[in-house]
Amino acid sequence: MKKLTFTLGTLTIVCLLAAGCAKETRVQQFWGTSYNLAKYNQIADLSAPVDHEPITGMEGAVSTKVMETYIQSFEGQKQEAKSYTIDLGM
C-alpha cells in the first residue's frame, strides 16, 4: 500500500510539472514585440512602398557640388599603417 501511494504521488507531481511546463510563458507570447515596435517606429514614411512618385529634393547642380565636396574631403587625409610590437621577454 505504501509503495502504491508513493507511486501515485510521484505520478501526480510529474503530471503537474508537465502541465505547468506546457503552457506558453509571457516571454514566449511577446517574444520579438519590442524589436518589431522599434523597427516600425523608425520607418520615416509608412506609405513609401505604395507611392511611386519620383523623389524630389536638391537640384542636380547643388547635389553635384555637395558630392564633389564630400569626395574631396577624403583626398587630404592620409592613412597610416598601424603596427604593434609585442615583447614576449625572450
N, C-alpha and C. Protein backbone atom coordinates (compact mmCIF):
# COMPACT_ATOMS: atom_id res chain seq x y z
N MET A 1 0.82 -1.19 0.00
CA MET A 1 0.00 0.00 0.00
C MET A 1 0.87 1.26 0.00
N LYS A 2 1.96 1.20 0.76
CA LYS A 2 2.84 2.35 0.86
C LYS A 2 3.50 2.65 -0.50
N LYS A 3 3.87 1.58 -1.21
CA LYS A 3 4.51 1.74 -2.50
C LYS A 3 3.51 2.33 -3.51
N LEU A 4 2.25 1.92 -3.45
CA LEU A 4 1.24 2.43 -4.35
C LEU A 4 0.99 3.92 -4.11
N THR A 5 0.97 4.35 -2.86
CA THR A 5 0.77 5.76 -2.52
C THR A 5 1.95 6.59 -3.03
N PHE A 6 3.16 6.07 -2.85
CA PHE A 6 4.36 6.76 -3.31
C PHE A 6 4.33 6.90 -4.84
N THR A 7 3.93 5.84 -5.53
CA THR A 7 3.88 5.85 -6.98
C THR A 7 2.82 6.82 -7.48
N LEU A 8 1.65 6.84 -6.85
CA LEU A 8 0.60 7.76 -7.26
C LEU A 8 1.00 9.21 -6.98
N GLY A 9 1.66 9.44 -5.87
CA GLY A 9 2.14 10.79 -5.54
C GLY A 9 3.17 11.27 -6.53
N THR A 10 4.09 10.39 -6.87
CA THR A 10 5.13 10.73 -7.84
C THR A 10 4.52 11.00 -9.21
N LEU A 11 3.57 10.15 -9.61
CA LEU A 11 2.90 10.33 -10.88
C LEU A 11 2.12 11.65 -10.92
N THR A 12 1.48 12.01 -9.83
CA THR A 12 0.74 13.27 -9.75
C THR A 12 1.68 14.46 -9.89
N ILE A 13 2.80 14.42 -9.21
CA ILE A 13 3.77 15.53 -9.28
C ILE A 13 4.32 15.65 -10.70
N VAL A 14 4.64 14.54 -11.33
CA VAL A 14 5.18 14.57 -12.69
C VAL A 14 4.14 15.14 -13.66
N CYS A 15 2.89 14.76 -13.51
CA CYS A 15 1.83 15.27 -14.39
C CYS A 15 1.62 16.77 -14.19
N LEU A 16 1.66 17.24 -12.95
CA LEU A 16 1.50 18.67 -12.68
C LEU A 16 2.66 19.47 -13.25
N LEU A 17 3.88 18.94 -13.10
CA LEU A 17 5.04 19.63 -13.67
C LEU A 17 4.97 19.67 -15.19
N ALA A 18 4.55 18.59 -15.81
CA ALA A 18 4.45 18.55 -17.27
C ALA A 18 3.38 19.51 -17.76
N ALA A 19 2.28 19.60 -17.03
CA ALA A 19 1.21 20.52 -17.43
C ALA A 19 1.66 21.97 -17.25
N GLY A 20 2.42 22.25 -16.21
CA GLY A 20 2.92 23.60 -15.98
C GLY A 20 3.95 24.03 -17.01
N CYS A 21 4.76 23.11 -17.47
CA CYS A 21 5.79 23.43 -18.45
C CYS A 21 5.22 23.55 -19.86
N ALA A 22 4.05 22.99 -20.10
CA ALA A 22 3.48 23.01 -21.43
C ALA A 22 2.86 24.37 -21.77
N LYS A 23 2.57 25.17 -20.77
CA LYS A 23 1.96 26.46 -21.02
C LYS A 23 2.98 27.44 -21.57
N GLU A 24 2.51 28.32 -22.43
CA GLU A 24 3.38 29.33 -23.00
C GLU A 24 3.53 30.49 -22.00
N THR A 25 4.75 30.89 -21.75
CA THR A 25 5.01 31.96 -20.79
C THR A 25 4.78 33.31 -21.44
N ARG A 26 4.76 34.35 -20.62
CA ARG A 26 4.60 35.71 -21.13
C ARG A 26 5.75 36.09 -22.05
N VAL A 27 6.94 35.65 -21.71
CA VAL A 27 8.10 35.97 -22.55
C VAL A 27 7.94 35.33 -23.92
N GLN A 28 7.49 34.09 -23.95
CA GLN A 28 7.30 33.41 -25.23
C GLN A 28 6.15 34.03 -26.03
N GLN A 29 5.10 34.50 -25.35
CA GLN A 29 3.97 35.10 -26.05
C GLN A 29 4.38 36.39 -26.76
N PHE A 30 5.18 37.20 -26.12
CA PHE A 30 5.52 38.52 -26.66
C PHE A 30 6.95 38.59 -27.17
N TRP A 31 7.55 37.46 -27.52
CA TRP A 31 8.92 37.43 -28.00
C TRP A 31 9.03 38.19 -29.31
N GLY A 32 9.90 39.20 -29.38
CA GLY A 32 10.13 39.97 -30.59
C GLY A 32 9.25 41.20 -30.73
N THR A 33 8.33 41.40 -29.80
CA THR A 33 7.43 42.55 -29.90
C THR A 33 8.20 43.86 -29.77
N SER A 34 9.12 43.93 -28.84
CA SER A 34 9.89 45.15 -28.64
C SER A 34 10.73 45.48 -29.88
N TYR A 35 11.34 44.47 -30.45
CA TYR A 35 12.15 44.66 -31.66
C TYR A 35 11.28 45.17 -32.82
N ASN A 36 10.13 44.54 -33.01
CA ASN A 36 9.25 44.94 -34.11
C ASN A 36 8.70 46.35 -33.91
N LEU A 37 8.39 46.73 -32.67
CA LEU A 37 7.92 48.09 -32.41
C LEU A 37 9.01 49.12 -32.67
N ALA A 38 10.23 48.81 -32.26
CA ALA A 38 11.34 49.73 -32.51
C ALA A 38 11.59 49.89 -34.00
N LYS A 39 11.53 48.80 -34.73
CA LYS A 39 11.73 48.86 -36.19
C LYS A 39 10.60 49.65 -36.85
N TYR A 40 9.38 49.41 -36.44
CA TYR A 40 8.22 50.11 -37.01
C TYR A 40 8.29 51.60 -36.74
N ASN A 41 8.73 51.99 -35.54
CA ASN A 41 8.79 53.41 -35.17
C ASN A 41 9.92 54.15 -35.87
N GLN A 42 10.87 53.45 -36.45
CA GLN A 42 11.98 54.10 -37.14
C GLN A 42 11.71 54.30 -38.62
N ILE A 43 10.61 53.78 -39.12
CA ILE A 43 10.28 53.95 -40.53
C ILE A 43 9.73 55.37 -40.72
N ALA A 44 10.38 56.14 -41.56
CA ALA A 44 10.00 57.54 -41.74
C ALA A 44 8.69 57.70 -42.50
N ASP A 45 8.52 56.94 -43.55
CA ASP A 45 7.33 57.09 -44.38
C ASP A 45 6.69 55.71 -44.55
N LEU A 46 5.60 55.48 -43.84
CA LEU A 46 4.96 54.16 -43.88
C LEU A 46 4.30 53.87 -45.21
N SER A 47 3.98 54.90 -45.97
CA SER A 47 3.33 54.68 -47.26
C SER A 47 4.34 54.66 -48.41
N ALA A 48 5.61 54.56 -48.11
CA ALA A 48 6.64 54.58 -49.15
C ALA A 48 6.50 53.46 -50.16
N PRO A 49 6.19 52.23 -49.78
CA PRO A 49 6.05 51.19 -50.81
C PRO A 49 4.84 51.41 -51.71
N VAL A 50 3.86 52.19 -51.26
CA VAL A 50 2.65 52.41 -52.04
C VAL A 50 2.84 53.53 -53.05
N ASP A 51 3.51 54.60 -52.63
CA ASP A 51 3.72 55.77 -53.51
C ASP A 51 4.85 55.48 -54.49
N HIS A 52 4.57 55.73 -55.77
CA HIS A 52 5.59 55.50 -56.79
C HIS A 52 5.98 56.80 -57.49
N GLU A 53 5.84 57.90 -56.78
CA GLU A 53 6.21 59.19 -57.35
C GLU A 53 7.72 59.37 -57.27
N PRO A 54 8.31 60.12 -58.22
CA PRO A 54 9.75 60.34 -58.15
C PRO A 54 10.13 61.18 -56.94
N ILE A 55 11.31 60.95 -56.45
CA ILE A 55 11.79 61.67 -55.28
C ILE A 55 12.28 63.05 -55.70
N THR A 56 11.85 64.05 -54.99
CA THR A 56 12.28 65.41 -55.28
C THR A 56 13.09 65.92 -54.10
N GLY A 57 14.05 66.75 -54.36
CA GLY A 57 14.89 67.26 -53.29
C GLY A 57 15.82 68.31 -53.85
N MET A 58 17.11 68.12 -53.66
CA MET A 58 18.08 69.07 -54.18
C MET A 58 18.13 69.01 -55.70
N GLU A 59 18.44 70.14 -56.29
CA GLU A 59 18.60 70.19 -57.74
C GLU A 59 19.90 69.51 -58.12
N GLY A 60 20.04 69.19 -59.37
CA GLY A 60 21.22 68.47 -59.84
C GLY A 60 22.52 69.20 -59.59
N ALA A 61 22.54 70.52 -59.84
CA ALA A 61 23.77 71.30 -59.66
C ALA A 61 24.18 71.33 -58.19
N VAL A 62 23.21 71.48 -57.32
CA VAL A 62 23.52 71.54 -55.88
C VAL A 62 24.02 70.19 -55.39
N SER A 63 23.35 69.12 -55.78
CA SER A 63 23.78 67.80 -55.32
C SER A 63 25.14 67.42 -55.89
N THR A 64 25.44 67.86 -57.12
CA THR A 64 26.76 67.59 -57.69
C THR A 64 27.85 68.29 -56.88
N LYS A 65 27.62 69.54 -56.50
CA LYS A 65 28.59 70.29 -55.71
C LYS A 65 28.78 69.64 -54.33
N VAL A 66 27.70 69.18 -53.73
CA VAL A 66 27.80 68.52 -52.42
C VAL A 66 28.62 67.25 -52.53
N MET A 67 28.39 66.45 -53.56
CA MET A 67 29.14 65.21 -53.74
C MET A 67 30.62 65.48 -54.02
N GLU A 68 30.92 66.51 -54.82
CA GLU A 68 32.32 66.85 -55.09
C GLU A 68 33.04 67.26 -53.81
N THR A 69 32.36 68.06 -52.99
CA THR A 69 32.96 68.49 -51.71
C THR A 69 33.20 67.28 -50.81
N TYR A 70 32.26 66.37 -50.78
CA TYR A 70 32.38 65.18 -49.95
C TYR A 70 33.56 64.32 -50.41
N ILE A 71 33.68 64.11 -51.70
CA ILE A 71 34.76 63.28 -52.23
C ILE A 71 36.11 63.95 -52.00
N GLN A 72 36.20 65.28 -52.17
CA GLN A 72 37.46 65.99 -51.97
C GLN A 72 37.88 66.01 -50.49
N SER A 73 36.93 65.83 -49.59
CA SER A 73 37.28 65.84 -48.17
C SER A 73 38.15 64.64 -47.79
N PHE A 74 38.13 63.58 -48.59
CA PHE A 74 38.94 62.40 -48.30
C PHE A 74 40.32 62.47 -48.93
N GLU A 75 40.52 63.35 -49.91
CA GLU A 75 41.80 63.43 -50.60
C GLU A 75 42.90 63.98 -49.71
N GLY A 76 42.61 64.86 -48.81
CA GLY A 76 43.62 65.45 -47.95
C GLY A 76 44.03 64.55 -46.79
N GLN A 77 43.27 63.54 -46.53
CA GLN A 77 43.58 62.65 -45.41
C GLN A 77 44.59 61.60 -45.84
N LYS A 78 45.49 61.30 -44.94
CA LYS A 78 46.49 60.30 -45.21
C LYS A 78 46.31 59.16 -44.22
N GLN A 79 46.18 57.97 -44.73
CA GLN A 79 46.01 56.83 -43.83
C GLN A 79 47.37 56.24 -43.51
N GLU A 80 47.59 56.04 -42.24
CA GLU A 80 48.86 55.47 -41.81
C GLU A 80 48.64 54.02 -41.43
N ALA A 81 49.60 53.21 -41.77
CA ALA A 81 49.53 51.80 -41.39
C ALA A 81 49.96 51.69 -39.93
N LYS A 82 49.12 51.09 -39.15
CA LYS A 82 49.44 50.93 -37.73
C LYS A 82 50.13 49.59 -37.52
N SER A 83 51.18 49.61 -36.73
CA SER A 83 51.86 48.37 -36.41
C SER A 83 52.07 48.31 -34.91
N TYR A 84 52.00 47.14 -34.40
CA TYR A 84 52.15 46.92 -32.96
C TYR A 84 53.26 45.92 -32.73
N THR A 85 54.01 46.12 -31.65
CA THR A 85 55.08 45.22 -31.29
C THR A 85 54.75 44.61 -29.93
N ILE A 86 54.84 43.29 -29.86
CA ILE A 86 54.58 42.61 -28.61
C ILE A 86 55.88 41.96 -28.16
N ASP A 87 56.36 42.36 -27.01
CA ASP A 87 57.59 41.82 -26.46
C ASP A 87 57.25 40.66 -25.54
N LEU A 88 57.76 39.48 -25.87
CA LEU A 88 57.48 38.31 -25.05
C LEU A 88 58.57 38.06 -24.02
N GLY A 89 59.58 38.90 -23.98
CA GLY A 89 60.63 38.80 -22.97
C GLY A 89 61.63 37.69 -23.25
N MET A 90 61.84 37.33 -24.48
CA MET A 90 62.79 36.25 -24.79
C MET A 90 64.08 36.83 -25.28
